[in-house]
Amino acid sequence: MTEFNLKHGDLEMTEFNLKHGDLVYYPVVSNSPIRVDEYDTYTIGRAYPINIPSSVKGEHSFTRDGKMYTCDKNPTIFPATQEWYEKLVRVYPNLEAPPPKKSSMDVIKAMLDDGYYRIPCYVSVINEEPNDEMCIDLLFDIDDSGSSSTPCRCVGGKWKYARPFDVKTGRVIVDYVDGQAVLED
């Protein structure tokens, strides 16, 4: 029998708010992270907005905080992040580690490949993670030949670093899944 050496606070809950495109752990069903969908519960008729696809042992819906029912005391699904992996792997030792976060360039390439003509980005030549306090430009191409020190081709010129953002909210786009931008929390 496996002995769990957990101490108080090891599995302390951290608040989270799941949304479309997030990867989650559903350890009762799978050791691999699963990508969730989000539905408008009023038009689709689902009980809750977060959905585990039917390809994973039937279809299940959850609240945004990972509960199967609103009256549950604890979540059933958890964000597939390094923080949650470190907590859950002690109880579920065969759990797969979460995939590495996508780089801004990977997200931009996915958006360009999907047909985006111009992508609003925070840009910089010195800061690897440009933010809303820096320059803004419209990116239209990436020179990935490796020969350019400023690979981000934008309407206003060339930049070394770019991070795409949502024009409506100003939040950084951290992933692009099934034609939808996934925003930073």
C-alpha atoms as a PDB file:
ATOM      1  CA  MET A   1       0.000   0.000   0.000  1.00  0.00           C
ATOM      2  CA  THR A   2       1.277   3.477  -0.896  1.00  0.00           C
ATOM      3  CA  GLU A   3       1.931   5.744   2.032  1.00  0.00           C
ATOM      4  CA  PHE A   4       1.005   9.399   1.582  1.00  0.00           C
ATOM      5  CA  ASN A   5       3.189  11.777   3.533  1.00  0.00           C
ATOM      6  CA  LEU A   6       0.940  14.800   3.332  1.00  0.00           C
ATOM      7  CA  LYS A   7       1.011  17.539   5.885  1.00  0.00           C
ATOM      8  CA  HIS A   8      -1.459  20.310   6.598  1.00  0.00           C
ATOM      9  CA  GLY A   9      -1.593  22.797   3.725  1.00  0.00           C
ATOM     10  CA  ASP A  10      -0.148  20.458   1.053  1.00  0.00           C
ATOM     11  CA  LEU A  11      -3.403  20.303  -0.890  1.00  0.00           C
ATOM     12  CA  GLU A  12      -4.629  23.709   0.137  1.00  0.00           C
ATOM     13  CA  MET A  13      -7.116  24.969  -2.420  1.00  0.00           C
ATOM     14  CA  THR A  14      -6.270  27.904  -4.624  1.00  0.00           C
ATOM     15  CA  GLU A  15      -9.096  29.682  -6.356  1.00  0.00           C
ATOM     16  CA  PHE A  16      -9.329  29.263 -10.114  1.00  0.00           C
ATOM     17  CA  ASN A  17     -11.754  30.207 -12.856  1.00  0.00           C
ATOM     18  CA  LEU A  18     -11.717  27.785 -15.789  1.00  0.00           C
ATOM     19  CA  LYS A  19     -12.469  28.909 -19.338  1.00  0.00           C
ATOM     20  CA  HIS A  20     -12.490  27.602 -22.912  1.00  0.00           C
ATOM     21  CA  GLY A  21      -9.186  26.114 -23.999  1.00  0.00           C
ATOM     22  CA  ASP A  22      -7.777  25.555 -20.514  1.00  0.00           C
ATOM     23  CA  LEU A  23      -6.046  22.275 -19.795  1.00  0.00           C
ATOM     24  CA  VAL A  24      -7.302  20.493 -16.685  1.00  0.00           C
ATOM     25  CA  TYR A  25      -6.549  17.441 -14.610  1.00  0.00           C
ATOM     26  CA  TYR A  26      -9.488  15.079 -14.148  1.00  0.00           C
ATOM     27  CA  PRO A  27      -7.559  12.447 -12.161  1.00  0.00           C
ATOM     28  CA  VAL A  28     -10.527  10.125 -11.634  1.00  0.00           C
ATOM     29  CA  VAL A  29     -10.698   9.628 -15.415  1.00  0.00           C
ATOM     30  CA  SER A  30      -7.257  10.352 -16.911  1.00  0.00           C
ATOM     31  CA  ASN A  31      -3.602  10.871 -15.980  1.00  0.00           C
ATOM     32  CA  SER A  32      -3.191  13.233 -18.953  1.00  0.00           C
ATOM     33  CA  PRO A  33      -4.248  16.873 -19.077  1.00  0.00           C
ATOM     34  CA  ILE A  34      -7.562  17.378 -20.924  1.00  0.00           C
ATOM     35  CA  ARG A  35      -8.589  20.505 -22.847  1.00  0.00           C
ATOM     36  CA  VAL A  36     -11.999  21.846 -21.836  1.00  0.00           C
ATOM     37  CA  ASP A  37     -14.694  23.614 -23.823  1.00  0.00           C
ATOM     38  CA  GLU A  38     -16.930  26.374 -22.584  1.00  0.00           C
ATOM     39  CA  TYR A  39     -20.615  26.588 -23.413  1.00  0.00           C
ATOM     40  CA  ASP A  40     -23.371  29.104 -22.979  1.00  0.00           C
ATOM     41  CA  THR A  41     -25.494  27.026 -20.606  1.00  0.00           C
ATOM     42  CA  TYR A  42     -28.683  28.799 -21.620  1.00  0.00           C
ATOM     43  CA  THR A  43     -28.477  27.979 -25.326  1.00  0.00           C
ATOM     44  CA  ILE A  44     -26.840  24.549 -25.203  1.00  0.00           C
ATOM     45  CA  GLY A  45     -28.801  23.199 -22.249  1.00  0.00           C
ATOM     46  CA  ARG A  46     -25.788  22.046 -20.240  1.00  0.00           C
ATOM     47  CA  ALA A  47     -25.935  22.208 -16.468  1.00  0.00           C
ATOM     48  CA  TYR A  48     -22.624  24.074 -16.164  1.00  0.00           C
ATOM     49  CA  PRO A  49     -20.417  26.053 -18.587  1.00  0.00           C
ATOM     50  CA  ILE A  50     -17.167  24.014 -18.505  1.00  0.00           C
ATOM     51  CA  ASN A  51     -17.284  20.814 -20.533  1.00  0.00           C
ATOM     52  CA  ILE A  52     -15.018  17.767 -20.762  1.00  0.00           C
ATOM     53  CA  PRO A  53     -15.379  16.394 -24.328  1.00  0.00           C
ATOM     54  CA  SER A  54     -17.329  13.176 -24.844  1.00  0.00           C
ATOM     55  CA  SER A  55     -14.173  11.426 -26.096  1.00  0.00           C
ATOM     56  CA  VAL A  56     -13.082  11.274 -22.440  1.00  0.00           C
ATOM     57  CA  LYS A  57     -15.404   8.640 -20.888  1.00  0.00           C
ATOM     58  CA  GLY A  58     -18.654  10.404 -21.706  1.00  0.00           C
ATOM     59  CA  GLU A  59     -19.469  14.083 -21.533  1.00  0.00           C
ATOM     60  CA  HIS A  60     -19.302  15.942 -18.239  1.00  0.00           C
ATOM     61  CA  SER A  61     -19.965  19.563 -17.339  1.00  0.00           C
ATOM     62  CA  PHE A  62     -18.474  21.493 -14.436  1.00  0.00           C
ATOM     63  CA  THR A  63     -18.671  24.867 -12.741  1.00  0.00           C
ATOM     64  CA  ARG A  64     -15.898  27.375 -13.509  1.00  0.00           C
ATOM     65  CA  ASP A  65     -14.238  26.473 -10.201  1.00  0.00           C
ATOM     66  CA  GLY A  66     -14.035  22.784 -11.131  1.00  0.00           C
ATOM     67  CA  LYS A  67     -16.989  21.386  -9.205  1.00  0.00           C
ATOM     68  CA  MET A  68     -19.310  18.782 -10.683  1.00  0.00           C
ATOM     69  CA  TYR A  69     -22.222  20.254  -8.716  1.00  0.00           C
ATOM     70  CA  THR A  70     -22.539  23.701  -7.158  1.00  0.00           C
ATOM     71  CA  CYS A  71     -23.186  22.119  -3.750  1.00  0.00           C
ATOM     72  CA  ASP A  72     -19.859  20.189  -3.830  1.00  0.00           C
ATOM     73  CA  LYS A  73     -17.346  21.222  -1.201  1.00  0.00           C
ATOM     74  CA  ASN A  74     -14.284  20.581  -3.406  1.00  0.00           C
ATOM     75  CA  PRO A  75     -13.469  20.582  -7.122  1.00  0.00           C
ATOM     76  CA  THR A  76     -13.293  17.443  -9.247  1.00  0.00           C
ATOM     77  CA  ILE A  77     -11.160  18.959 -12.014  1.00  0.00           C
ATOM     78  CA  PHE A  78      -8.118  21.170 -11.533  1.00  0.00           C
ATOM     79  CA  PRO A  79      -6.064  23.475 -13.784  1.00  0.00           C
ATOM     80  CA  ALA A  80      -3.185  21.616 -15.459  1.00  0.00           C
ATOM     81  CA  THR A  81      -0.550  23.988 -14.112  1.00  0.00           C
ATOM     82  CA  GLN A  82       2.761  23.278 -12.442  1.00  0.00           C
ATOM     83  CA  GLU A  83       1.307  24.406  -9.104  1.00  0.00           C
ATOM     84  CA  TRP A  84      -1.588  21.944  -9.267  1.00  0.00           C
ATOM     85  CA  TYR A  85       0.588  19.170 -10.691  1.00  0.00           C
ATOM     86  CA  GLU A  86       2.915  19.407  -7.681  1.00  0.00           C
ATOM     87  CA  LYS A  87      -0.074  19.162  -5.335  1.00  0.00           C
ATOM     88  CA  LEU A  88      -1.910  16.351  -7.145  1.00  0.00           C
ATOM     89  CA  VAL A  89       1.033  14.121  -8.114  1.00  0.00           C
ATOM     90  CA  ARG A  90       1.528  13.251  -4.447  1.00  0.00           C
ATOM     91  CA  VAL A  91      -1.902  11.614  -4.442  1.00  0.00           C
ATOM     92  CA  TYR A  92      -1.966  10.546  -8.120  1.00  0.00           C
ATOM     93  CA  PRO A  93       1.668   9.503  -8.811  1.00  0.00           C
ATOM     94  CA  ASN A  94       1.040   8.587 -12.483  1.00  0.00           C
ATOM     95  CA  LEU A  95      -0.215  12.055 -13.383  1.00  0.00           C
ATOM     96  CA  GLU A  96       1.526  13.571 -16.411  1.00  0.00           C
ATOM     97  CA  ALA A  97       3.280  16.898 -15.963  1.00  0.00           C
ATOM     98  CA  PRO A  98       1.577  19.852 -17.626  1.00  0.00           C
ATOM     99  CA  PRO A  99       2.895  20.837 -21.049  1.00  0.00           C
ATOM    100  CA  PRO A 100       5.234  23.822 -21.121  1.00  0.00           C
ATOM    101  CA  LYS A 101       3.581  27.193 -21.660  1.00  0.00           C
ATOM    102  CA  LYS A 102       3.515  28.325 -25.283  1.00  0.00           C
ATOM    103  CA  SER A 103       5.796  31.169 -26.187  1.00  0.00           C
ATOM    104  CA  SER A 104       4.299  34.392 -27.521  1.00  0.00           C
ATOM    105  CA  MET A 105       5.882  33.612 -30.896  1.00  0.00           C
ATOM    106  CA  ASP A 106       4.133  30.207 -31.005  1.00  0.00           C
ATOM    107  CA  VAL A 107       0.798  31.875 -30.264  1.00  0.00           C
ATOM    108  CA  ILE A 108       1.390  34.548 -32.917  1.00  0.00           C
ATOM    109  CA  LYS A 109       2.397  31.909 -35.501  1.00  0.00           C
ATOM    110  CA  ALA A 110      -0.793  29.935 -34.788  1.00  0.00           C
ATOM    111  CA  MET A 111      -2.887  33.077 -35.268  1.00  0.00           C
ATOM    112  CA  LEU A 112      -1.097  33.994 -38.520  1.00  0.00           C
ATOM    113  CA  ASP A 113      -1.473  30.402 -39.775  1.00  0.00           C
ATOM    114  CA  ASP A 114      -5.201  30.679 -39.036  1.00  0.00           C
ATOM    115  CA  GLY A 115      -5.478  33.689 -41.332  1.00  0.00           C
ATOM    116  CA  TYR A 116      -5.045  36.729 -39.083  1.00  0.00           C
ATOM    117  CA  TYR A 117      -4.008  39.666 -41.259  1.00  0.00           C
ATOM    118  CA  ARG A 118      -2.782  41.905 -38.426  1.00  0.00           C
ATOM    119  CA  ILE A 119      -2.300  40.996 -34.765  1.00  0.00           C
ATOM    120  CA  PRO A 120      -2.241  43.722 -32.091  1.00  0.00           C
ATOM    121  CA  CYS A 121       0.855  43.231 -29.934  1.00  0.00           C
ATOM    122  CA  TYR A 122       2.774  44.837 -27.128  1.00  0.00           C
ATOM    123  CA  VAL A 123       6.277  45.181 -28.603  1.00  0.00           C
ATOM    124  CA  SER A 124       9.830  45.934 -27.472  1.00  0.00           C
ATOM    125  CA  VAL A 125      13.438  45.634 -28.561  1.00  0.00           C
ATOM    126  CA  ILE A 126      14.758  45.076 -25.011  1.00  0.00           C
ATOM    127  CA  ASN A 127      12.001  43.599 -22.804  1.00  0.00           C
ATOM    128  CA  GLU A 128      11.293  39.898 -23.453  1.00  0.00           C
ATOM    129  CA  GLU A 129       7.756  40.247 -22.094  1.00  0.00           C
ATOM    130  CA  PRO A 130       6.359  43.522 -23.415  1.00  0.00           C
ATOM    131  CA  ASN A 131       3.279  44.783 -21.580  1.00  0.00           C
ATOM    132  CA  ASP A 132       0.636  47.504 -21.742  1.00  0.00           C
ATOM    133  CA  GLU A 133       3.119  50.138 -20.559  1.00  0.00           C
ATOM    134  CA  MET A 134       5.205  49.699 -23.705  1.00  0.00           C
ATOM    135  CA  CYS A 135       4.700  50.251 -27.412  1.00  0.00           C
ATOM    136  CA  ILE A 136       1.786  48.783 -29.339  1.00  0.00           C
ATOM    137  CA  ASP A 137       1.999  47.732 -32.977  1.00  0.00           C
ATOM    138  CA  LEU A 138       0.170  45.575 -35.513  1.00  0.00           C
ATOM    139  CA  LEU A 139       2.202  42.478 -36.351  1.00  0.00           C
ATOM    140  CA  PHE A 140       1.806  40.928 -39.810  1.00  0.00           C
ATOM    141  CA  ASP A 141       4.763  38.541 -40.115  1.00  0.00           C
ATOM    142  CA  ILE A 142       7.532  36.776 -38.229  1.00  0.00           C
ATOM    143  CA  ASP A 143      10.959  36.251 -39.758  1.00  0.00           C
ATOM    144  CA  ASP A 144      11.803  32.833 -38.337  1.00  0.00           C
ATOM    145  CA  SER A 145      14.879  32.290 -40.509  1.00  0.00           C
ATOM    146  CA  GLY A 146      17.058  33.011 -37.478  1.00  0.00           C
ATOM    147  CA  SER A 147      19.046  35.639 -39.363  1.00  0.00           C
ATOM    148  CA  SER A 148      17.211  38.676 -37.984  1.00  0.00           C
ATOM    149  CA  SER A 149      17.734  40.200 -34.539  1.00  0.00           C
ATOM    150  CA  THR A 150      14.295  41.836 -34.921  1.00  0.00           C
ATOM    151  CA  PRO A 151      12.040  39.041 -36.231  1.00  0.00           C
ATOM    152  CA  CYS A 152       8.675  40.704 -35.517  1.00  0.00           C
ATOM    153  CA  ARG A 153       7.532  42.559 -38.610  1.00  0.00           C
ATOM    154  CA  CYS A 154       4.930  45.161 -37.751  1.00  0.00           C
ATOM    155  CA  VAL A 155       3.208  48.081 -39.424  1.00  0.00           C
ATOM    156  CA  GLY A 156       5.364  50.505 -37.403  1.00  0.00           C
ATOM    157  CA  GLY A 157       8.675  48.706 -37.978  1.00  0.00           C
ATOM    158  CA  LYS A 158      10.615  45.671 -36.739  1.00  0.00           C
ATOM    159  CA  TRP A 159      10.749  44.551 -33.111  1.00  0.00           C
ATOM    160  CA  LYS A 160      12.658  41.864 -31.234  1.00  0.00           C
ATOM    161  CA  TYR A 161       9.811  40.882 -28.887  1.00  0.00           C
ATOM    162  CA  ALA A 162       6.036  40.830 -29.278  1.00  0.00           C
ATOM    163  CA  ARG A 163       3.122  39.612 -27.135  1.00  0.00           C
ATOM    164  CA  PRO A 164      -0.341  39.474 -28.688  1.00  0.00           C
ATOM    165  CA  PHE A 165      -3.196  41.035 -26.756  1.00  0.00           C
ATOM    166  CA  ASP A 166      -6.964  41.223 -26.892  1.00  0.00           C
ATOM    167  CA  VAL A 167      -8.016  44.671 -28.100  1.00  0.00           C
ATOM    168  CA  LYS A 168     -11.230  44.640 -26.088  1.00  0.00           C
ATOM    169  CA  THR A 169      -9.693  43.827 -22.688  1.00  0.00           C
ATOM    170  CA  GLY A 170      -5.968  44.571 -23.107  1.00  0.00           C
ATOM    171  CA  ARG A 171      -5.163  41.144 -21.651  1.00  0.00           C
ATOM    172  CA  VAL A 172      -2.309  39.131 -23.157  1.00  0.00           C
ATOM    173  CA  ILE A 173      -3.233  36.174 -25.382  1.00  0.00           C
ATOM    174  CA  VAL A 174      -1.409  33.158 -23.912  1.00  0.00           C
ATOM    175  CA  ASP A 175      -2.739  30.468 -26.258  1.00  0.00           C
ATOM    176  CA  TYR A 176      -4.760  30.077 -29.422  1.00  0.00           C
ATOM    177  CA  VAL A 177      -7.000  26.997 -29.496  1.00  0.00           C
ATOM    178  CA  ASP A 178      -9.566  25.992 -32.115  1.00  0.00           C
ATOM    179  CA  GLY A 179      -9.730  29.513 -33.535  1.00  0.00           C
ATOM    180  CA  GLN A 180     -10.181  31.178 -30.145  1.00  0.00           C
ATOM    181  CA  ALA A 181      -7.734  33.262 -28.148  1.00  0.00           C
ATOM    182  CA  VAL A 182      -7.074  32.147 -24.569  1.00  0.00           C
ATOM    183  CA  LEU A 183      -6.406  35.182 -22.380  1.00  0.00           C
ATOM    184  CA  GLU A 184      -4.076  35.586 -19.420  1.00  0.00           C
ATOM    185  CA  ASP A 185      -5.829  35.454 -16.055  1.00  0.00           C
END
